[in-house]
């Protein structure tokens, strides 16, 4: 993986994380907004500007790809690179969680 992309995306913003997380399956922007709102009990509401700006950047960087259009809605899905970057972020979050609990990676 290109080191530059790792530096750009890890650590991720919460909105970036949730968008990429949702795109593990095919989804359009409005569906992502609703899914994130449900997953976070309404604590995170992604604005259209943030959503479409993030989708555009992630597509340009090769993390997601346009799949098809349905009823004027663009459907996207994570690419293998996007999945790899998401996994790096999940590992980072897991490490933070372990450290917050006083655990170490050794023996865990």
N, C-alpha and C. Protein backbone atom coordinates (compact mmCIF):
# COMPACT_ATOMS: atom_id res chain seq x y z
N UNK A 1 0.84 -1.18 0.00
CA UNK A 1 0.00 0.00 0.00
C UNK A 1 0.89 1.24 0.00
N UNK A 2 0.42 2.22 -0.67
CA UNK A 2 1.17 3.46 -0.77
C UNK A 2 1.21 4.14 0.61
N UNK A 3 2.43 4.43 1.08
CA UNK A 3 2.61 5.04 2.41
C UNK A 3 1.90 6.38 2.52
N UNK A 4 1.87 7.14 1.44
CA UNK A 4 1.22 8.45 1.46
C UNK A 4 -0.25 8.32 1.84
N UNK A 5 -0.93 7.33 1.26
CA UNK A 5 -2.35 7.14 1.57
C UNK A 5 -2.54 6.74 3.03
N UNK A 6 -1.65 5.92 3.56
CA UNK A 6 -1.74 5.56 4.97
C UNK A 6 -1.64 6.80 5.84
N UNK A 7 -0.73 7.69 5.51
CA UNK A 7 -0.56 8.92 6.30
C UNK A 7 -1.77 9.83 6.17
N UNK A 8 -2.40 9.84 5.00
CA UNK A 8 -3.57 10.69 4.78
C UNK A 8 -4.78 10.16 5.54
N UNK A 9 -4.97 8.85 5.55
CA UNK A 9 -6.21 8.28 6.08
C UNK A 9 -6.12 7.71 7.49
N UNK A 10 -4.94 7.45 7.99
CA UNK A 10 -4.82 6.87 9.33
C UNK A 10 -4.02 7.81 10.20
N UNK A 11 -4.58 8.37 11.28
CA UNK A 11 -5.91 8.09 11.80
C UNK A 11 -7.01 8.76 10.97
N UNK A 12 -8.19 8.14 11.01
CA UNK A 12 -9.33 8.64 10.25
C UNK A 12 -10.19 9.54 11.11
N UNK A 13 -10.93 10.41 10.43
CA UNK A 13 -11.99 11.12 11.12
C UNK A 13 -13.11 10.12 11.40
N UNK A 14 -13.96 10.44 12.35
CA UNK A 14 -15.08 9.54 12.61
C UNK A 14 -15.97 9.39 11.39
N UNK A 15 -16.23 10.50 10.72
CA UNK A 15 -17.11 10.41 9.55
C UNK A 15 -16.46 9.57 8.46
N UNK A 16 -15.16 9.77 8.22
CA UNK A 16 -14.46 8.96 7.23
C UNK A 16 -14.50 7.49 7.57
N UNK A 17 -14.31 7.18 8.84
CA UNK A 17 -14.36 5.79 9.29
C UNK A 17 -15.72 5.18 9.01
N UNK A 18 -16.78 5.88 9.42
CA UNK A 18 -18.12 5.32 9.24
C UNK A 18 -18.49 5.18 7.77
N UNK A 19 -18.10 6.13 6.95
CA UNK A 19 -18.38 6.03 5.52
C UNK A 19 -17.71 4.80 4.94
N UNK A 20 -16.41 4.63 5.21
CA UNK A 20 -15.68 3.48 4.68
C UNK A 20 -16.20 2.18 5.28
N UNK A 21 -16.56 2.21 6.55
CA UNK A 21 -17.13 1.03 7.20
C UNK A 21 -18.42 0.60 6.51
N UNK A 22 -19.30 1.57 6.26
CA UNK A 22 -20.57 1.26 5.60
C UNK A 22 -20.36 0.71 4.20
N UNK A 23 -19.33 1.19 3.53
CA UNK A 23 -19.11 0.78 2.13
C UNK A 23 -18.43 -0.57 2.00
N UNK A 24 -18.43 -1.35 3.07
CA UNK A 24 -18.02 -2.74 2.95
C UNK A 24 -19.06 -3.49 2.11
N UNK A 25 -20.24 -2.87 2.01
CA UNK A 25 -21.26 -3.38 1.10
C UNK A 25 -21.70 -2.23 0.19
N UNK A 26 -22.32 -2.55 -0.91
CA UNK A 26 -22.76 -1.52 -1.86
C UNK A 26 -23.78 -0.61 -1.19
N UNK A 27 -23.59 0.71 -1.36
CA UNK A 27 -24.48 1.66 -0.71
C UNK A 27 -24.39 3.02 -1.39
N UNK A 28 -25.44 3.80 -1.28
CA UNK A 28 -25.42 5.18 -1.79
C UNK A 28 -25.34 6.14 -0.61
N UNK A 29 -25.05 7.40 -0.90
CA UNK A 29 -24.79 8.40 0.13
C UNK A 29 -25.89 8.55 1.16
N UNK A 30 -27.14 8.67 0.71
CA UNK A 30 -28.23 8.86 1.66
C UNK A 30 -28.36 7.65 2.58
N UNK A 31 -28.18 6.46 2.03
CA UNK A 31 -28.24 5.25 2.84
C UNK A 31 -27.14 5.25 3.90
N UNK A 32 -25.95 5.71 3.53
CA UNK A 32 -24.84 5.80 4.49
C UNK A 32 -25.21 6.75 5.62
N UNK A 33 -25.76 7.92 5.28
CA UNK A 33 -26.17 8.90 6.30
C UNK A 33 -27.13 8.26 7.29
N UNK A 34 -28.13 7.55 6.79
CA UNK A 34 -29.12 6.91 7.65
C UNK A 34 -28.48 5.81 8.51
N UNK A 35 -27.64 5.00 7.90
CA UNK A 35 -26.99 3.90 8.62
C UNK A 35 -26.12 4.43 9.75
N UNK A 36 -25.33 5.48 9.48
CA UNK A 36 -24.45 6.06 10.50
C UNK A 36 -25.28 6.67 11.63
N UNK A 37 -26.34 7.35 11.26
CA UNK A 37 -27.22 7.94 12.27
C UNK A 37 -27.78 6.85 13.19
N UNK A 38 -28.21 5.73 12.60
CA UNK A 38 -28.73 4.60 13.38
C UNK A 38 -27.64 3.96 14.24
N UNK A 39 -26.46 3.74 13.65
CA UNK A 39 -25.37 3.08 14.37
C UNK A 39 -24.89 3.88 15.57
N UNK A 40 -24.98 5.21 15.47
CA UNK A 40 -24.45 6.07 16.52
C UNK A 40 -25.55 6.68 17.37
N UNK A 41 -26.76 6.13 17.29
CA UNK A 41 -27.91 6.65 18.03
C UNK A 41 -28.08 8.16 17.83
N UNK A 42 -27.84 8.61 16.61
CA UNK A 42 -28.04 10.00 16.26
C UNK A 42 -26.92 10.95 16.68
N UNK A 43 -25.85 10.41 17.26
CA UNK A 43 -24.74 11.28 17.69
C UNK A 43 -23.94 11.81 16.52
N UNK A 44 -23.87 11.05 15.44
CA UNK A 44 -23.15 11.51 14.26
C UNK A 44 -24.13 11.58 13.10
N UNK A 45 -24.28 12.78 12.57
CA UNK A 45 -25.12 13.02 11.41
C UNK A 45 -24.22 13.64 10.35
N UNK A 46 -24.02 12.94 9.26
CA UNK A 46 -23.12 13.39 8.21
C UNK A 46 -23.88 14.31 7.27
N UNK A 47 -23.36 15.53 7.10
CA UNK A 47 -24.01 16.49 6.20
C UNK A 47 -23.76 16.08 4.75
N UNK A 48 -24.63 16.52 3.84
CA UNK A 48 -24.41 16.19 2.42
C UNK A 48 -23.05 16.66 1.91
N UNK A 49 -22.62 17.85 2.31
CA UNK A 49 -21.32 18.36 1.85
C UNK A 49 -20.17 17.47 2.29
N UNK A 50 -20.20 17.05 3.55
CA UNK A 50 -19.17 16.15 4.07
C UNK A 50 -19.24 14.81 3.36
N UNK A 51 -20.45 14.29 3.21
CA UNK A 51 -20.63 12.98 2.58
C UNK A 51 -20.07 12.97 1.16
N UNK A 52 -20.51 13.91 0.34
CA UNK A 52 -20.13 13.84 -1.06
C UNK A 52 -18.69 14.29 -1.27
N UNK A 53 -18.19 15.17 -0.43
CA UNK A 53 -16.77 15.52 -0.49
C UNK A 53 -15.88 14.33 -0.14
N UNK A 54 -16.28 13.60 0.90
CA UNK A 54 -15.52 12.42 1.32
C UNK A 54 -15.60 11.31 0.29
N UNK A 55 -16.79 11.07 -0.25
CA UNK A 55 -16.93 10.04 -1.29
C UNK A 55 -16.05 10.37 -2.49
N UNK A 56 -16.06 11.63 -2.89
CA UNK A 56 -15.27 12.06 -4.04
C UNK A 56 -13.77 11.83 -3.80
N UNK A 57 -13.30 12.25 -2.62
CA UNK A 57 -11.88 12.08 -2.30
C UNK A 57 -11.51 10.60 -2.21
N UNK A 58 -12.34 9.80 -1.55
CA UNK A 58 -12.05 8.37 -1.41
C UNK A 58 -12.05 7.67 -2.77
N UNK A 59 -12.95 8.09 -3.65
CA UNK A 59 -12.99 7.49 -4.99
C UNK A 59 -11.73 7.88 -5.76
N UNK A 60 -11.35 9.14 -5.69
CA UNK A 60 -10.15 9.63 -6.38
C UNK A 60 -8.90 8.89 -5.88
N UNK A 61 -8.86 8.62 -4.57
CA UNK A 61 -7.70 7.94 -3.97
C UNK A 61 -7.75 6.42 -4.10
N UNK A 62 -8.84 5.89 -4.66
CA UNK A 62 -8.93 4.45 -4.91
C UNK A 62 -9.41 3.61 -3.74
N UNK A 63 -9.98 4.26 -2.70
CA UNK A 63 -10.48 3.51 -1.55
C UNK A 63 -11.87 2.94 -1.79
N UNK A 64 -12.63 3.62 -2.63
CA UNK A 64 -13.97 3.15 -3.00
C UNK A 64 -14.10 3.25 -4.50
N UNK A 65 -15.09 2.54 -5.03
CA UNK A 65 -15.35 2.66 -6.46
C UNK A 65 -16.85 2.79 -6.71
N UNK A 66 -17.15 3.52 -7.76
CA UNK A 66 -18.52 3.67 -8.23
C UNK A 66 -18.95 2.35 -8.83
N UNK A 67 -20.09 1.84 -8.42
CA UNK A 67 -20.57 0.54 -8.90
C UNK A 67 -21.62 0.73 -10.01
N UNK A 68 -22.63 1.53 -9.71
CA UNK A 68 -23.71 1.78 -10.67
C UNK A 68 -24.59 2.91 -10.16
N UNK A 69 -25.52 3.34 -10.98
CA UNK A 69 -26.48 4.36 -10.58
C UNK A 69 -27.87 3.74 -10.56
N UNK A 70 -28.62 4.01 -9.50
CA UNK A 70 -30.00 3.54 -9.38
C UNK A 70 -30.87 4.73 -8.99
N UNK A 71 -31.85 5.03 -9.81
CA UNK A 71 -32.77 6.14 -9.53
C UNK A 71 -32.01 7.42 -9.17
N UNK A 72 -31.04 7.75 -9.97
CA UNK A 72 -30.21 8.95 -9.81
C UNK A 72 -29.34 8.94 -8.56
N UNK A 73 -29.17 7.79 -7.92
CA UNK A 73 -28.30 7.67 -6.76
C UNK A 73 -27.09 6.82 -7.13
N UNK A 74 -25.92 7.34 -6.82
CA UNK A 74 -24.69 6.62 -7.13
C UNK A 74 -24.40 5.61 -6.02
N UNK A 75 -24.16 4.38 -6.44
CA UNK A 75 -23.85 3.28 -5.51
C UNK A 75 -22.34 3.08 -5.50
N UNK A 76 -21.75 3.03 -4.31
CA UNK A 76 -20.31 2.84 -4.14
C UNK A 76 -20.04 1.60 -3.29
N UNK A 77 -18.80 1.12 -3.38
CA UNK A 77 -18.35 0.04 -2.50
C UNK A 77 -16.85 0.18 -2.29
N UNK A 78 -16.40 -0.27 -1.14
CA UNK A 78 -14.98 -0.23 -0.81
C UNK A 78 -14.19 -1.11 -1.79
N UNK A 79 -12.99 -0.66 -2.11
CA UNK A 79 -12.06 -1.45 -2.92
C UNK A 79 -11.17 -2.25 -1.96
N UNK A 80 -10.36 -3.16 -2.48
CA UNK A 80 -9.41 -3.85 -1.59
C UNK A 80 -8.50 -2.88 -0.83
N UNK A 81 -8.09 -1.79 -1.48
CA UNK A 81 -7.27 -0.79 -0.80
C UNK A 81 -8.05 -0.13 0.34
N UNK A 82 -9.31 0.19 0.09
CA UNK A 82 -10.16 0.77 1.13
C UNK A 82 -10.33 -0.17 2.30
N UNK A 83 -10.51 -1.44 2.01
CA UNK A 83 -10.65 -2.45 3.07
C UNK A 83 -9.36 -2.55 3.88
N UNK A 84 -8.23 -2.50 3.20
CA UNK A 84 -6.93 -2.56 3.88
C UNK A 84 -6.75 -1.35 4.81
N UNK A 85 -7.09 -0.18 4.33
CA UNK A 85 -6.95 1.03 5.16
C UNK A 85 -7.93 0.99 6.33
N UNK A 86 -9.14 0.51 6.09
CA UNK A 86 -10.11 0.37 7.18
C UNK A 86 -9.58 -0.57 8.25
N UNK A 87 -8.97 -1.67 7.84
CA UNK A 87 -8.43 -2.62 8.81
C UNK A 87 -7.28 -2.00 9.62
N UNK A 88 -6.46 -1.18 8.98
CA UNK A 88 -5.40 -0.49 9.72
C UNK A 88 -6.00 0.41 10.79
N UNK A 89 -7.07 1.10 10.45
CA UNK A 89 -7.73 1.98 11.40
C UNK A 89 -8.38 1.19 12.53
N UNK A 90 -8.99 0.07 12.21
CA UNK A 90 -9.60 -0.77 13.25
C UNK A 90 -8.52 -1.26 14.22
N UNK A 91 -7.39 -1.69 13.69
CA UNK A 91 -6.28 -2.13 14.56
C UNK A 91 -5.80 -0.99 15.44
N UNK A 92 -5.73 0.21 14.90
CA UNK A 92 -5.31 1.37 15.67
C UNK A 92 -6.29 1.64 16.81
N UNK A 93 -7.58 1.58 16.50
CA UNK A 93 -8.62 1.81 17.51
C UNK A 93 -8.57 0.72 18.58
N UNK A 94 -8.39 -0.53 18.15
CA UNK A 94 -8.29 -1.62 19.12
C UNK A 94 -7.09 -1.42 20.05
N UNK A 95 -5.97 -0.96 19.50
CA UNK A 95 -4.78 -0.69 20.32
C UNK A 95 -5.07 0.41 21.32
N UNK A 96 -5.73 1.48 20.88
CA UNK A 96 -6.11 2.55 21.79
C UNK A 96 -6.99 2.03 22.92
N UNK A 97 -7.93 1.18 22.57
CA UNK A 97 -8.84 0.62 23.57
C UNK A 97 -8.08 -0.24 24.58
N UNK A 98 -7.22 -1.12 24.07
CA UNK A 98 -6.41 -1.97 24.97
C UNK A 98 -5.57 -1.10 25.91
N UNK A 99 -4.92 -0.08 25.35
CA UNK A 99 -4.08 0.78 26.17
C UNK A 99 -4.89 1.55 27.21
N UNK A 100 -6.11 1.93 26.86
CA UNK A 100 -6.95 2.65 27.81
C UNK A 100 -7.37 1.77 28.98
N UNK A 101 -7.36 0.47 28.75
CA UNK A 101 -7.72 -0.50 29.79
C UNK A 101 -6.49 -1.02 30.53
N UNK A 102 -5.31 -0.51 30.17
CA UNK A 102 -4.08 -0.95 30.83
C UNK A 102 -3.58 -2.29 30.33
N UNK A 103 -4.09 -2.74 29.21
CA UNK A 103 -3.65 -4.01 28.62
C UNK A 103 -2.53 -3.74 27.64
N UNK A 104 -1.74 -4.76 27.38
CA UNK A 104 -0.70 -4.65 26.36
C UNK A 104 -0.99 -5.67 25.28
N UNK A 105 -0.34 -5.47 24.14
CA UNK A 105 -0.54 -6.40 23.01
C UNK A 105 0.11 -7.75 23.30
N UNK A 106 1.12 -7.79 24.15
CA UNK A 106 1.81 -9.03 24.46
C UNK A 106 0.87 -9.92 25.25
N UNK A 107 0.68 -11.13 24.75
CA UNK A 107 -0.17 -12.09 25.43
C UNK A 107 -1.65 -11.88 25.23
N UNK A 108 -2.02 -10.97 24.38
CA UNK A 108 -3.45 -10.73 24.13
C UNK A 108 -3.86 -11.27 22.79
